[in-house]
Amino acid sequence: MTITPADIAGAAARIAPHIRRTPVLDLPAGALGHDGPVSLKLEFLQHAGSFKSRGAFNSLLSGPVPPAGVTAASGGNHGAAVAYAAKVLGVPARIFVPEIANPAKIEAIRRQGAQVTIGGARYAEAQEACDAFAAQSGARLVHPFGAAATIAGQGTAALEWERQAERLDTVLVAVGGGGLVSGLASWWRGRATRVVGVEPEGSCALHAALAAGRPVDVDVNSVAADSLGARNVGDLVLDLCRDAVERVVLVTDAAITDAQRHLWREFRIAAEPGGAAALAALLSGAYRPAPGETVGVLLCGANLDAASFARIAATVPD
């Protein structure tokens, strides 16, 4: 299956009344230790605190919603986005989250009026419970990454970013289940802008799938597991990324935490671990740009609880 730029442009028109046009922060050469310019896409300013609202709205607006409403499994951000979209569109929502979900994200889902079911040690168990509920109730399942409507919605971030930035040689994007990187790669497929995925070393389902040539299950153990913790990316994501994503680089948990500190120290941006992962690739050297290369970094989420933020902020000098 192919998701085309026309599919993404159609999604952009569909969701335009309901999402924010998130800003871009253009940094001069040398600002992040790279001798070329860097473009930060501030997608954490999207409704519900992450890019996920794009895919959620496109999914809900792409067909009729049954009386039972919608349901989704989520480490937190997708659930908050589906809950928000459901509230705006006036449909019921039930969200399944694993036990590792950040309490701030669970509260964000509840704040949007959705029912929340907590269960299962990891995301995969929450997805199984969600699938069973959808089959029993007739609710529409809104998949966080393995569905064309979700991916086309996430791809609208690339369309928007391209209109905001003069030039993007390479974009770095965090990968959990792969919906975001698939959307960006589908927009830029066959064009000059390269897409590089970034995964934690302890949660690298896309990296493993590309190496194996098929989707494979991976163990998940990372500070970013609540947002980048998919165990398997599935066939659709792999098919879309196989030729359109230049490569996937891996970052340590320590590099992710360092990137969180850097964002707070330099920009007063309180990013969650998954939201800082793409920047971690640039700061740590996991991705080394060519001299003068224009690098885009998508900061994808900022649903961080107060205690976690306090631990990060406490290590940053005033």
C-alpha atoms as a PDB file:
ATOM      1  CA  MET A   1       0.000   0.000   0.000  1.00  0.00           C
ATOM      2  CA  THR A   2       1.185   3.529  -0.790  1.00  0.00           C
ATOM      3  CA  ILE A   3       0.149   6.741   0.914  1.00  0.00           C
ATOM      4  CA  THR A   4       0.574   9.557  -1.571  1.00  0.00           C
ATOM      5  CA  PRO A   5       1.150  13.292  -1.164  1.00  0.00           C
ATOM      6  CA  ALA A   6      -2.408  13.709  -2.470  1.00  0.00           C
ATOM      7  CA  ASP A   7      -3.675  11.555   0.422  1.00  0.00           C
ATOM      8  CA  ILE A   8      -1.776  13.753   2.869  1.00  0.00           C
ATOM      9  CA  ALA A   9      -2.972  16.976   1.249  1.00  0.00           C
ATOM     10  CA  GLY A  10      -6.533  15.660   1.491  1.00  0.00           C
ATOM     11  CA  ALA A  11      -6.009  14.893   5.169  1.00  0.00           C
ATOM     12  CA  ALA A  12      -4.628  18.404   5.719  1.00  0.00           C
ATOM     13  CA  ALA A  13      -7.743  19.967   4.232  1.00  0.00           C
ATOM     14  CA  ARG A  14      -9.979  17.646   6.260  1.00  0.00           C
ATOM     15  CA  ILE A  15      -8.424  18.362   9.639  1.00  0.00           C
ATOM     16  CA  ALA A  16      -7.551  22.033   9.125  1.00  0.00           C
ATOM     17  CA  PRO A  17     -10.491  23.402  11.170  1.00  0.00           C
ATOM     18  CA  HIS A  18      -9.491  21.304  14.170  1.00  0.00           C
ATOM     19  CA  ILE A  19      -5.705  21.447  14.559  1.00  0.00           C
ATOM     20  CA  ARG A  20      -3.045  24.032  15.258  1.00  0.00           C
ATOM     21  CA  ARG A  21      -0.436  25.151  12.753  1.00  0.00           C
ATOM     22  CA  THR A  22       2.513  24.539  15.040  1.00  0.00           C
ATOM     23  CA  PRO A  23       5.445  26.961  14.847  1.00  0.00           C
ATOM     24  CA  VAL A  24       9.003  26.366  13.717  1.00  0.00           C
ATOM     25  CA  LEU A  25      12.060  27.661  15.565  1.00  0.00           C
ATOM     26  CA  ASP A  26      14.902  28.371  13.137  1.00  0.00           C
ATOM     27  CA  LEU A  27      18.343  28.187  14.726  1.00  0.00           C
ATOM     28  CA  PRO A  28      21.494  29.588  13.120  1.00  0.00           C
ATOM     29  CA  ALA A  29      24.560  27.574  12.252  1.00  0.00           C
ATOM     30  CA  GLY A  30      26.445  26.463  15.348  1.00  0.00           C
ATOM     31  CA  ALA A  31      23.507  26.702  17.743  1.00  0.00           C
ATOM     32  CA  LEU A  32      23.422  22.954  18.421  1.00  0.00           C
ATOM     33  CA  GLY A  33      27.035  22.135  17.707  1.00  0.00           C
ATOM     34  CA  HIS A  34      26.337  21.706  13.985  1.00  0.00           C
ATOM     35  CA  ASP A  35      27.796  24.143  11.450  1.00  0.00           C
ATOM     36  CA  GLY A  36      24.560  24.286   9.479  1.00  0.00           C
ATOM     37  CA  PRO A  37      21.109  25.654  10.314  1.00  0.00           C
ATOM     38  CA  VAL A  38      18.606  23.655  12.349  1.00  0.00           C
ATOM     39  CA  SER A  39      14.818  23.866  12.129  1.00  0.00           C
ATOM     40  CA  LEU A  40      12.894  22.755  15.227  1.00  0.00           C
ATOM     41  CA  LYS A  41       9.256  21.856  14.503  1.00  0.00           C
ATOM     42  CA  LEU A  42       7.383  22.482  17.775  1.00  0.00           C
ATOM     43  CA  GLU A  43       4.746  19.818  17.336  1.00  0.00           C
ATOM     44  CA  PHE A  44       4.378  19.389  21.095  1.00  0.00           C
ATOM     45  CA  LEU A  45       2.255  22.568  20.917  1.00  0.00           C
ATOM     46  CA  GLN A  46      -0.406  20.635  19.029  1.00  0.00           C
ATOM     47  CA  HIS A  47      -3.760  20.005  20.738  1.00  0.00           C
ATOM     48  CA  ALA A  48      -3.449  17.361  23.494  1.00  0.00           C
ATOM     49  CA  GLY A  49       0.303  17.904  23.676  1.00  0.00           C
ATOM     50  CA  SER A  50       1.582  15.931  20.684  1.00  0.00           C
ATOM     51  CA  PHE A  51       1.404  15.427  16.917  1.00  0.00           C
ATOM     52  CA  LYS A  52      -1.081  12.592  17.489  1.00  0.00           C
ATOM     53  CA  SER A  53      -4.090  14.899  17.155  1.00  0.00           C
ATOM     54  CA  ARG A  54      -3.448  15.079  13.402  1.00  0.00           C
ATOM     55  CA  GLY A  55      -3.940  11.362  12.892  1.00  0.00           C
ATOM     56  CA  ALA A  56      -6.784  11.172  15.390  1.00  0.00           C
ATOM     57  CA  PHE A  57      -8.855  13.820  13.629  1.00  0.00           C
ATOM     58  CA  ASN A  58      -8.159  12.380  10.198  1.00  0.00           C
ATOM     59  CA  SER A  59      -9.224   8.932  11.383  1.00  0.00           C
ATOM     60  CA  LEU A  60     -12.456  10.131  12.963  1.00  0.00           C
ATOM     61  CA  LEU A  61     -13.327  12.337   9.980  1.00  0.00           C
ATOM     62  CA  SER A  62     -12.579   9.689   7.347  1.00  0.00           C
ATOM     63  CA  GLY A  63     -15.795   7.734   7.839  1.00  0.00           C
ATOM     64  CA  PRO A  64     -18.944   7.398   9.949  1.00  0.00           C
ATOM     65  CA  VAL A  65     -18.534   6.760  13.663  1.00  0.00           C
ATOM     66  CA  PRO A  66     -20.865   4.055  15.077  1.00  0.00           C
ATOM     67  CA  PRO A  67     -23.122   4.743  18.081  1.00  0.00           C
ATOM     68  CA  ALA A  68     -20.621   2.918  20.305  1.00  0.00           C
ATOM     69  CA  GLY A  69     -18.073   5.589  19.449  1.00  0.00           C
ATOM     70  CA  VAL A  70     -14.335   5.042  19.120  1.00  0.00           C
ATOM     71  CA  THR A  71     -11.694   3.160  21.036  1.00  0.00           C
ATOM     72  CA  ALA A  72      -7.914   3.142  21.070  1.00  0.00           C
ATOM     73  CA  ALA A  73      -4.953   1.629  22.874  1.00  0.00           C
ATOM     74  CA  SER A  74      -2.207   4.008  23.833  1.00  0.00           C
ATOM     75  CA  GLY A  75       0.817   4.659  25.966  1.00  0.00           C
ATOM     76  CA  GLY A  76      -0.824   8.032  26.536  1.00  0.00           C
ATOM     77  CA  ASN A  77      -0.374  10.530  23.703  1.00  0.00           C
ATOM     78  CA  HIS A  78      -2.520   8.744  21.120  1.00  0.00           C
ATOM     79  CA  GLY A  79      -5.199   8.201  23.735  1.00  0.00           C
ATOM     80  CA  ALA A  80      -5.227  11.867  24.705  1.00  0.00           C
ATOM     81  CA  ALA A  81      -5.452  12.855  21.042  1.00  0.00           C
ATOM     82  CA  VAL A  82      -8.307  10.452  20.267  1.00  0.00           C
ATOM     83  CA  ALA A  83     -10.111  11.578  23.417  1.00  0.00           C
ATOM     84  CA  TYR A  84      -9.697  15.219  22.407  1.00  0.00           C
ATOM     85  CA  ALA A  85     -10.876  14.620  18.838  1.00  0.00           C
ATOM     86  CA  ALA A  86     -13.848  12.619  20.091  1.00  0.00           C
ATOM     87  CA  LYS A  87     -14.827  15.408  22.484  1.00  0.00           C
ATOM     88  CA  VAL A  88     -14.616  18.049  19.762  1.00  0.00           C
ATOM     89  CA  LEU A  89     -16.642  15.911  17.342  1.00  0.00           C
ATOM     90  CA  GLY A  90     -19.162  14.820  19.970  1.00  0.00           C
ATOM     91  CA  VAL A  91     -18.612  11.056  20.003  1.00  0.00           C
ATOM     92  CA  PRO A  92     -17.901   8.704  22.935  1.00  0.00           C
ATOM     93  CA  ALA A  93     -14.403   7.313  23.422  1.00  0.00           C
ATOM     94  CA  ARG A  94     -12.862   4.559  25.519  1.00  0.00           C
ATOM     95  CA  ILE A  95      -9.076   4.405  25.820  1.00  0.00           C
ATOM     96  CA  PHE A  96      -6.991   1.426  26.984  1.00  0.00           C
ATOM     97  CA  VAL A  97      -3.593   2.224  28.522  1.00  0.00           C
ATOM     98  CA  PRO A  98      -0.867  -0.020  29.972  1.00  0.00           C
ATOM     99  CA  GLU A  99       0.296   0.143  33.556  1.00  0.00           C
ATOM    100  CA  ILE A 100       3.515   1.925  32.499  1.00  0.00           C
ATOM    101  CA  ALA A 101       1.558   4.918  31.163  1.00  0.00           C
ATOM    102  CA  ASN A 102       2.586   8.217  32.679  1.00  0.00           C
ATOM    103  CA  PRO A 103      -0.022   9.433  35.209  1.00  0.00           C
ATOM    104  CA  ALA A 104      -0.016  12.854  33.544  1.00  0.00           C
ATOM    105  CA  LYS A 105      -1.045  11.242  30.273  1.00  0.00           C
ATOM    106  CA  ILE A 106      -3.811   9.226  31.911  1.00  0.00           C
ATOM    107  CA  GLU A 107      -5.109  12.414  33.515  1.00  0.00           C
ATOM    108  CA  ALA A 108      -4.966  14.169  30.123  1.00  0.00           C
ATOM    109  CA  ILE A 109      -7.156  11.434  28.624  1.00  0.00           C
ATOM    110  CA  ARG A 110      -9.686  11.652  31.445  1.00  0.00           C
ATOM    111  CA  ARG A 111      -9.713  15.437  31.240  1.00  0.00           C
ATOM    112  CA  GLN A 112     -10.989  15.147  27.681  1.00  0.00           C
ATOM    113  CA  GLY A 113     -13.978  13.118  28.882  1.00  0.00           C
ATOM    114  CA  ALA A 114     -12.982   9.645  27.657  1.00  0.00           C
ATOM    115  CA  GLN A 115     -13.390   6.465  29.673  1.00  0.00           C
ATOM    116  CA  VAL A 116     -10.016   4.971  30.629  1.00  0.00           C
ATOM    117  CA  THR A 117      -9.185   1.316  31.239  1.00  0.00           C
ATOM    118  CA  ILE A 118      -5.746   0.622  32.721  1.00  0.00           C
ATOM    119  CA  GLY A 119      -4.302  -2.873  32.352  1.00  0.00           C
ATOM    120  CA  GLY A 120      -1.399  -4.893  31.052  1.00  0.00           C
ATOM    121  CA  ALA A 121       2.248  -4.406  31.794  1.00  0.00           C
ATOM    122  CA  ARG A 122       3.052  -3.083  28.319  1.00  0.00           C
ATOM    123  CA  TYR A 123       1.378  -1.411  25.351  1.00  0.00           C
ATOM    124  CA  ALA A 124       0.794  -4.735  23.536  1.00  0.00           C
ATOM    125  CA  GLU A 125      -1.479  -6.004  26.319  1.00  0.00           C
ATOM    126  CA  ALA A 126      -3.514  -2.790  26.245  1.00  0.00           C
ATOM    127  CA  GLN A 127      -3.905  -3.193  22.473  1.00  0.00           C
ATOM    128  CA  GLU A 128      -5.208  -6.740  22.922  1.00  0.00           C
ATOM    129  CA  ALA A 129      -7.818  -5.546  25.423  1.00  0.00           C
ATOM    130  CA  CYS A 130      -8.789  -2.703  23.101  1.00  0.00           C
ATOM    131  CA  ASP A 131      -9.199  -5.068  20.147  1.00  0.00           C
ATOM    132  CA  ALA A 132     -11.464  -7.313  22.218  1.00  0.00           C
ATOM    133  CA  PHE A 133     -13.590  -4.346  23.305  1.00  0.00           C
ATOM    134  CA  ALA A 134     -13.949  -3.125  19.713  1.00  0.00           C
ATOM    135  CA  ALA A 135     -15.074  -6.564  18.557  1.00  0.00           C
ATOM    136  CA  GLN A 136     -17.598  -6.867  21.389  1.00  0.00           C
ATOM    137  CA  SER A 137     -19.009  -3.324  21.374  1.00  0.00           C
ATOM    138  CA  GLY A 138     -18.850  -2.313  17.722  1.00  0.00           C
ATOM    139  CA  ALA A 139     -16.766   0.772  18.575  1.00  0.00           C
ATOM    140  CA  ARG A 140     -14.473   2.011  15.794  1.00  0.00           C
ATOM    141  CA  LEU A 141     -10.853   1.125  16.483  1.00  0.00           C
ATOM    142  CA  VAL A 142      -8.466   4.046  15.945  1.00  0.00           C
ATOM    143  CA  HIS A 143      -5.030   2.499  15.575  1.00  0.00           C
ATOM    144  CA  PRO A 144      -2.102   4.639  16.740  1.00  0.00           C
ATOM    145  CA  PHE A 145       0.151   3.839  13.783  1.00  0.00           C
ATOM    146  CA  GLY A 146      -0.886   0.855  11.650  1.00  0.00           C
ATOM    147  CA  ALA A 147      -3.707   2.503   9.680  1.00  0.00           C
ATOM    148  CA  ALA A 148      -3.649   4.581   6.503  1.00  0.00           C
ATOM    149  CA  ALA A 149      -5.871   7.347   7.892  1.00  0.00           C
ATOM    150  CA  THR A 150      -3.663   7.738  10.950  1.00  0.00           C
ATOM    151  CA  ILE A 151      -0.467   7.851   8.881  1.00  0.00           C
ATOM    152  CA  ALA A 152      -1.871  10.316   6.339  1.00  0.00           C
ATOM    153  CA  GLY A 153      -2.918  12.580   9.213  1.00  0.00           C
ATOM    154  CA  GLN A 154       0.550  12.484  10.758  1.00  0.00           C
ATOM    155  CA  GLY A 155       2.029  13.256   7.353  1.00  0.00           C
ATOM    156  CA  THR A 156       0.335  16.658   7.400  1.00  0.00           C
ATOM    157  CA  ALA A 157       3.104  17.800   9.764  1.00  0.00           C
ATOM    158  CA  ALA A 158       5.562  17.412   6.852  1.00  0.00           C
ATOM    159  CA  LEU A 159       3.358  19.353   4.444  1.00  0.00           C
ATOM    160  CA  GLU A 160       3.049  22.160   6.973  1.00  0.00           C
ATOM    161  CA  TRP A 161       6.756  22.147   7.873  1.00  0.00           C
ATOM    162  CA  GLU A 162       7.797  22.320   4.237  1.00  0.00           C
ATOM    163  CA  ARG A 163       5.788  25.533   3.847  1.00  0.00           C
ATOM    164  CA  GLN A 164       7.443  27.040   6.932  1.00  0.00           C
ATOM    165  CA  ALA A 165      11.099  26.179   6.281  1.00  0.00           C
ATOM    166  CA  GLU A 166      13.203  27.503   3.429  1.00  0.00           C
ATOM    167  CA  ARG A 167      14.998  24.202   3.015  1.00  0.00           C
ATOM    168  CA  LEU A 168      15.184  20.862   4.797  1.00  0.00           C
ATOM    169  CA  ASP A 169      17.966  18.511   3.760  1.00  0.00           C
ATOM    170  CA  THR A 170      17.279  15.948   6.487  1.00  0.00           C
ATOM    171  CA  VAL A 171      14.582  15.611   9.126  1.00  0.00           C
ATOM    172  CA  LEU A 172      15.028  13.632  12.333  1.00  0.00           C
ATOM    173  CA  VAL A 173      11.878  12.101  13.760  1.00  0.00           C
ATOM    174  CA  ALA A 174      11.311   9.880  16.785  1.00  0.00           C
ATOM    175  CA  VAL A 175       9.834   6.450  16.140  1.00  0.00           C
ATOM    176  CA  GLY A 176       7.502   4.484  18.394  1.00  0.00           C
ATOM    177  CA  GLY A 177       5.054   2.483  16.300  1.00  0.00           C
ATOM    178  CA  GLY A 178       6.113   4.377  13.197  1.00  0.00           C
ATOM    179  CA  GLY A 179       3.009   6.316  12.222  1.00  0.00           C
ATOM    180  CA  LEU A 180       4.753   9.696  12.284  1.00  0.00           C
ATOM    181  CA  VAL A 181       7.894   8.630  10.438  1.00  0.00           C
ATOM    182  CA  SER A 182       5.729   6.805   7.865  1.00  0.00           C
ATOM    183  CA  GLY A 183       3.671   9.934   7.286  1.00  0.00           C
ATOM    184  CA  LEU A 184       6.696  12.175   6.853  1.00  0.00           C
ATOM    185  CA  ALA A 185       8.426   9.629   4.638  1.00  0.00           C
ATOM    186  CA  SER A 186       5.302   9.317   2.478  1.00  0.00           C
ATOM    187  CA  TRP A 187       5.239  13.082   1.935  1.00  0.00           C
ATOM    188  CA  TRP A 188       8.939  13.324   1.042  1.00  0.00           C
ATOM    189  CA  ARG A 189       9.252   9.995  -0.776  1.00  0.00           C
ATOM    190  CA  GLY A 190      11.427  10.381  -3.886  1.00  0.00           C
ATOM    191  CA  ARG A 191      12.295  13.993  -3.143  1.00  0.00           C
ATOM    192  CA  ALA A 192      15.367  15.830  -1.863  1.00  0.00           C
ATOM    193  CA  THR A 193      14.498  15.842   1.847  1.00  0.00           C
ATOM    194  CA  ARG A 194      15.795  12.756   3.648  1.00  0.00           C
ATOM    195  CA  VAL A 195      13.900  11.232   6.583  1.00  0.00           C
ATOM    196  CA  VAL A 196      15.898   9.625   9.392  1.00  0.00           C
ATOM    197  CA  GLY A 197      14.119   7.743  12.169  1.00  0.00           C
ATOM    198  CA  VAL A 198      15.335   7.876  15.769  1.00  0.00           C
ATOM    199  CA  GLU A 199      14.621   5.107  18.269  1.00  0.00           C
ATOM    200  CA  PRO A 200      15.816   4.386  21.810  1.00  0.00           C
ATOM    201  CA  GLU A 201      18.249   1.507  22.031  1.00  0.00           C
ATOM    202  CA  GLY A 202      15.806  -0.214  24.357  1.00  0.00           C
ATOM    203  CA  SER A 203      12.785   0.172  22.066  1.00  0.00           C
ATOM    204  CA  CYS A 204      13.737  -0.228  18.423  1.00  0.00           C
ATOM    205  CA  ALA A 205      10.986  -2.062  16.565  1.00  0.00           C
ATOM    206  CA  LEU A 206      11.496  -0.273  13.230  1.00  0.00           C
ATOM    207  CA  HIS A 207      15.271  -0.693  13.283  1.00  0.00           C
ATOM    208  CA  ALA A 208      14.794  -4.407  13.963  1.00  0.00           C
ATOM    209  CA  ALA A 209      12.154  -4.776  11.249  1.00  0.00           C
ATOM    210  CA  LEU A 210      14.321  -3.096   8.623  1.00  0.00           C
ATOM    211  CA  ALA A 211      17.258  -5.337   9.576  1.00  0.00           C
ATOM    212  CA  ALA A 212      15.138  -8.497   9.456  1.00  0.00           C
ATOM    213  CA  GLY A 213      13.162  -7.531   6.354  1.00  0.00           C
ATOM    214  CA  ARG A 214       9.899  -8.203   8.197  1.00  0.00           C
ATOM    215  CA  PRO A 215       8.090  -6.985  11.309  1.00  0.00           C
ATOM    216  CA  VAL A 216       9.529  -8.588  14.437  1.00  0.00           C
ATOM    217  CA  ASP A 217       8.743  -8.351  18.126  1.00  0.00           C
ATOM    218  CA  VAL A 218      11.306  -6.540  20.291  1.00  0.00           C
ATOM    219  CA  ASP A 219      11.729  -6.165  24.017  1.00  0.00           C
ATOM    220  CA  VAL A 220      10.825  -2.706  25.279  1.00  0.00           C
ATOM    221  CA  ASN A 221      12.833  -1.127  28.087  1.00  0.00           C
ATOM    222  CA  SER A 222      13.437   2.596  27.778  1.00  0.00           C
ATOM    223  CA  VAL A 223      12.865   5.870  29.570  1.00  0.00           C
ATOM    224  CA  ALA A 224      10.704   6.754  26.544  1.00  0.00           C
ATOM    225  CA  ALA A 225       8.669   3.526  26.579  1.00  0.00           C
ATOM    226  CA  ASP A 226       5.368   5.242  27.351  1.00  0.00           C
ATOM    227  CA  SER A 227       5.461   7.024  23.975  1.00  0.00           C
ATOM    228  CA  LEU A 228       8.051   5.113  21.925  1.00  0.00           C
ATOM    229  CA  GLY A 229       7.250   1.652  23.246  1.00  0.00           C
ATOM    230  CA  ALA A 230       5.652  -0.303  20.413  1.00  0.00           C
ATOM    231  CA  ARG A 231       6.780  -3.925  20.349  1.00  0.00           C
ATOM    232  CA  ASN A 232       6.137  -4.430  16.618  1.00  0.00           C
ATOM    233  CA  VAL A 233       5.634  -1.837  13.850  1.00  0.00           C
ATOM    234  CA  GLY A 234       3.528  -4.090  11.616  1.00  0.00           C
ATOM    235  CA  ASP A 235       3.450  -4.594   7.865  1.00  0.00           C
ATOM    236  CA  LEU A 236       2.072  -1.220   6.749  1.00  0.00           C
ATOM    237  CA  VAL A 237       4.673   0.877   8.540  1.00  0.00           C
ATOM    238  CA  LEU A 238       7.502  -1.350   7.348  1.00  0.00           C
ATOM    239  CA  ASP A 239       6.272  -1.235   3.746  1.00  0.00           C
ATOM    240  CA  LEU A 240       6.084   2.569   3.807  1.00  0.00           C
ATOM    241  CA  CYS A 241       9.462   3.028   5.491  1.00  0.00           C
ATOM    242  CA  ARG A 242      11.499   0.376   3.709  1.00  0.00           C
ATOM    243  CA  ASP A 243      12.525   2.602   0.797  1.00  0.00           C
ATOM    244  CA  ALA A 244      11.458   6.060   1.981  1.00  0.00           C
ATOM    245  CA  VAL A 245      13.292   6.278   5.313  1.00  0.00           C
ATOM    246  CA  GLU A 246      17.021   6.742   4.745  1.00  0.00           C
ATOM    247  CA  ARG A 247      17.926   4.932   7.951  1.00  0.00           C
ATOM    248  CA  VAL A 248      17.089   4.562  11.621  1.00  0.00           C
ATOM    249  CA  VAL A 249      19.608   5.579  14.279  1.00  0.00           C
ATOM    250  CA  LEU A 250      19.549   4.504  17.904  1.00  0.00           C
ATOM    251  CA  VAL A 251      20.044   6.677  20.981  1.00  0.00           C
ATOM    252  CA  THR A 252      20.668   5.811  24.608  1.00  0.00           C
ATOM    253  CA  ASP A 253      18.346   6.715  27.436  1.00  0.00           C
ATOM    254  CA  ALA A 254      21.113   8.933  28.800  1.00  0.00           C
ATOM    255  CA  ALA A 255      21.233  10.845  25.510  1.00  0.00           C
ATOM    256  CA  ILE A 256      17.464  11.329  25.613  1.00  0.00           C
ATOM    257  CA  THR A 257      17.618  12.702  29.158  1.00  0.00           C
ATOM    258  CA  ASP A 258      20.489  14.992  28.165  1.00  0.00           C
ATOM    259  CA  ALA A 259      18.375  16.302  25.283  1.00  0.00           C
ATOM    260  CA  GLN A 260      15.520  17.006  27.695  1.00  0.00           C
ATOM    261  CA  ARG A 261      17.922  19.008  29.858  1.00  0.00           C
ATOM    262  CA  HIS A 262      19.240  20.895  26.834  1.00  0.00           C
ATOM    263  CA  LEU A 263      15.734  21.838  25.708  1.00  0.00           C
ATOM    264  CA  TRP A 264      14.893  23.175  29.159  1.00  0.00           C
ATOM    265  CA  ARG A 265      18.197  24.984  29.677  1.00  0.00           C
ATOM    266  CA  GLU A 266      18.367  26.651  26.264  1.00  0.00           C
ATOM    267  CA  PHE A 267      14.715  27.114  25.283  1.00  0.00           C
ATOM    268  CA  ARG A 268      12.632  26.482  28.423  1.00  0.00           C
ATOM    269  CA  ILE A 269      10.925  23.624  26.571  1.00  0.00           C
ATOM    270  CA  ALA A 270       9.695  20.861  28.888  1.00  0.00           C
ATOM    271  CA  ALA A 271       9.723  17.868  26.542  1.00  0.00           C
ATOM    272  CA  GLU A 272       8.798  14.326  27.492  1.00  0.00           C
ATOM    273  CA  PRO A 273      11.470  11.689  26.749  1.00  0.00           C
ATOM    274  CA  GLY A 274       9.919  10.683  23.431  1.00  0.00           C
ATOM    275  CA  GLY A 275       9.627  14.327  22.466  1.00  0.00           C
ATOM    276  CA  ALA A 276      13.359  14.850  22.984  1.00  0.00           C
ATOM    277  CA  ALA A 277      14.541  11.655  21.283  1.00  0.00           C
ATOM    278  CA  ALA A 278      15.012  13.156  17.812  1.00  0.00           C
ATOM    279  CA  LEU A 279      17.128  15.969  19.203  1.00  0.00           C
ATOM    280  CA  ALA A 280      19.150  13.407  21.162  1.00  0.00           C
ATOM    281  CA  ALA A 281      20.333  11.926  17.865  1.00  0.00           C
ATOM    282  CA  LEU A 282      21.821  15.259  16.806  1.00  0.00           C
ATOM    283  CA  LEU A 283      23.299  16.255  20.165  1.00  0.00           C
ATOM    284  CA  SER A 284      24.840  12.836  20.869  1.00  0.00           C
ATOM    285  CA  GLY A 285      26.277  12.276  17.414  1.00  0.00           C
ATOM    286  CA  ALA A 286      24.084   9.264  16.646  1.00  0.00           C
ATOM    287  CA  TYR A 287      23.253  11.290  13.546  1.00  0.00           C
ATOM    288  CA  ARG A 288      26.152  13.288  12.094  1.00  0.00           C
ATOM    289  CA  PRO A 289      25.066  15.782   9.431  1.00  0.00           C
ATOM    290  CA  ALA A 290      27.272  16.772   6.537  1.00  0.00           C
ATOM    291  CA  PRO A 291      28.952  20.201   6.702  1.00  0.00           C
ATOM    292  CA  GLY A 292      26.379  22.933   6.081  1.00  0.00           C
ATOM    293  CA  GLU A 293      23.450  20.513   5.982  1.00  0.00           C
ATOM    294  CA  THR A 294      20.067  21.940   7.006  1.00  0.00           C
ATOM    295  CA  VAL A 295      18.649  19.618   9.649  1.00  0.00           C
ATOM    296  CA  GLY A 296      15.040  19.524  10.787  1.00  0.00           C
ATOM    297  CA  VAL A 297      14.221  18.101  14.224  1.00  0.00           C
ATOM    298  CA  LEU A 298      10.617  17.306  15.082  1.00  0.00           C
ATOM    299  CA  LEU A 299       9.873  17.752  18.794  1.00  0.00           C
ATOM    300  CA  CYS A 300       6.833  15.546  18.989  1.00  0.00           C
ATOM    301  CA  GLY A 301       5.452  15.586  22.539  1.00  0.00           C
ATOM    302  CA  ALA A 302       5.451  17.361  25.909  1.00  0.00           C
ATOM    303  CA  ASN A 303       3.066  15.398  28.102  1.00  0.00           C
ATOM    304  CA  LEU A 304       5.363  15.285  31.109  1.00  0.00           C
ATOM    305  CA  ASP A 305       4.261  14.911  34.713  1.00  0.00           C
ATOM    306  CA  ALA A 306       5.396  17.438  37.289  1.00  0.00           C
ATOM    307  CA  ALA A 307       7.605  15.015  39.236  1.00  0.00           C
ATOM    308  CA  SER A 308       9.519  13.902  36.144  1.00  0.00           C
ATOM    309  CA  PHE A 309       9.934  17.489  35.008  1.00  0.00           C
ATOM    310  CA  ALA A 310      11.210  18.491  38.439  1.00  0.00           C
ATOM    311  CA  ARG A 311      13.902  15.796  38.278  1.00  0.00           C
ATOM    312  CA  ILE A 312      15.064  17.090  34.891  1.00  0.00           C
ATOM    313  CA  ALA A 313      14.917  20.756  35.867  1.00  0.00           C
ATOM    314  CA  ALA A 314      16.783  20.165  39.124  1.00  0.00           C
ATOM    315  CA  THR A 315      19.882  19.071  37.192  1.00  0.00           C
ATOM    316  CA  VAL A 316      19.936  22.191  34.984  1.00  0.00           C
ATOM    317  CA  PRO A 317      21.893  25.204  36.321  1.00  0.00           C
ATOM    318  CA  ASP A 318      19.887  28.409  36.706  1.00  0.00           C
END
